[in-house]
Amino acid sequence: MEFITANAGTIIVGFIVFGLLALIIVRMILNHRKGKTCCGCGCDGCSK
């Protein structure tokens, strides 16, 4: 219990960073499933 109280700030920030990373990955997966994978460069391989 002492470890948690001594490092509470670090643990909370770690959870926040992990949550943001998870949201970014989920968004990337959903965009890929919707076909929004264009890189934006205008090359011939892009779907748009």
C-alpha atoms as a PDB file:
ATOM      1  CA  MET A   1       0.000   0.000   0.000  1.00  0.00           C
ATOM      2  CA  GLU A   2       2.900   2.349   0.670  1.00  0.00           C
ATOM      3  CA  PHE A   3       4.129   1.895  -2.890  1.00  0.00           C
ATOM      4  CA  ILE A   4       0.789   3.049  -4.315  1.00  0.00           C
ATOM      5  CA  THR A   5       0.559   6.115  -2.099  1.00  0.00           C
ATOM      6  CA  ALA A   6       4.181   7.064  -2.753  1.00  0.00           C
ATOM      7  CA  ASN A   7       3.753   6.774  -6.539  1.00  0.00           C
ATOM      8  CA  ALA A   8       0.119   7.799  -6.994  1.00  0.00           C
ATOM      9  CA  GLY A   9       0.928  10.683  -9.341  1.00  0.00           C
ATOM     10  CA  THR A  10       3.053   8.513 -11.609  1.00  0.00           C
ATOM     11  CA  ILE A  11       0.427   5.769 -11.657  1.00  0.00           C
ATOM     12  CA  ILE A  12      -2.357   8.214 -12.560  1.00  0.00           C
ATOM     13  CA  VAL A  13      -0.321   9.800 -15.355  1.00  0.00           C
ATOM     14  CA  GLY A  14       0.564   6.326 -16.627  1.00  0.00           C
ATOM     15  CA  PHE A  15      -3.113   5.361 -16.788  1.00  0.00           C
ATOM     16  CA  ILE A  16      -3.953   8.582 -18.644  1.00  0.00           C
ATOM     17  CA  VAL A  17      -1.190   8.020 -21.205  1.00  0.00           C
ATOM     18  CA  PHE A  18      -2.211   4.383 -21.640  1.00  0.00           C
ATOM     19  CA  GLY A  19      -5.857   5.411 -22.130  1.00  0.00           C
ATOM     20  CA  LEU A  20      -4.956   8.010 -24.764  1.00  0.00           C
ATOM     21  CA  LEU A  21      -2.793   5.484 -26.580  1.00  0.00           C
ATOM     22  CA  ALA A  22      -5.640   2.963 -26.544  1.00  0.00           C
ATOM     23  CA  LEU A  23      -8.061   5.557 -27.967  1.00  0.00           C
ATOM     24  CA  ILE A  24      -5.629   6.428 -30.760  1.00  0.00           C
ATOM     25  CA  ILE A  25      -5.192   2.775 -31.696  1.00  0.00           C
ATOM     26  CA  VAL A  26      -8.950   2.141 -31.666  1.00  0.00           C
ATOM     27  CA  ARG A  27      -9.518   5.192 -33.872  1.00  0.00           C
ATOM     28  CA  MET A  28      -6.860   4.009 -36.325  1.00  0.00           C
ATOM     29  CA  ILE A  29      -8.460   0.561 -36.510  1.00  0.00           C
ATOM     30  CA  LEU A  30     -11.933   2.023 -37.070  1.00  0.00           C
ATOM     31  CA  ASN A  31     -10.637   4.368 -39.785  1.00  0.00           C
ATOM     32  CA  HIS A  32      -8.909   1.451 -41.471  1.00  0.00           C
ATOM     33  CA  ARG A  33     -12.151  -0.570 -41.455  1.00  0.00           C
ATOM     34  CA  LYS A  34     -14.011   2.397 -42.987  1.00  0.00           C
ATOM     35  CA  GLY A  35     -11.407   2.634 -45.744  1.00  0.00           C
ATOM     36  CA  LYS A  36      -9.914   5.930 -44.600  1.00  0.00           C
ATOM     37  CA  THR A  37      -6.328   4.830 -45.091  1.00  0.00           C
ATOM     38  CA  CYS A  38      -5.225   7.439 -47.610  1.00  0.00           C
ATOM     39  CA  CYS A  39      -1.912   8.976 -46.714  1.00  0.00           C
ATOM     40  CA  GLY A  40      -2.848  12.353 -48.170  1.00  0.00           C
ATOM     41  CA  CYS A  41       0.009  12.534 -50.627  1.00  0.00           C
ATOM     42  CA  GLY A  42      -2.146  12.141 -53.771  1.00  0.00           C
ATOM     43  CA  CYS A  43      -0.296   9.106 -55.084  1.00  0.00           C
ATOM     44  CA  ASP A  44      -1.887   6.536 -57.436  1.00  0.00           C
ATOM     45  CA  GLY A  45      -2.177   3.894 -54.703  1.00  0.00           C
ATOM     46  CA  CYS A  46      -4.539   5.973 -52.574  1.00  0.00           C
ATOM     47  CA  SER A  47      -8.210   5.092 -52.536  1.00  0.00           C
ATOM     48  CA  LYS A  48      -9.337   8.725 -52.704  1.00  0.00           C
END
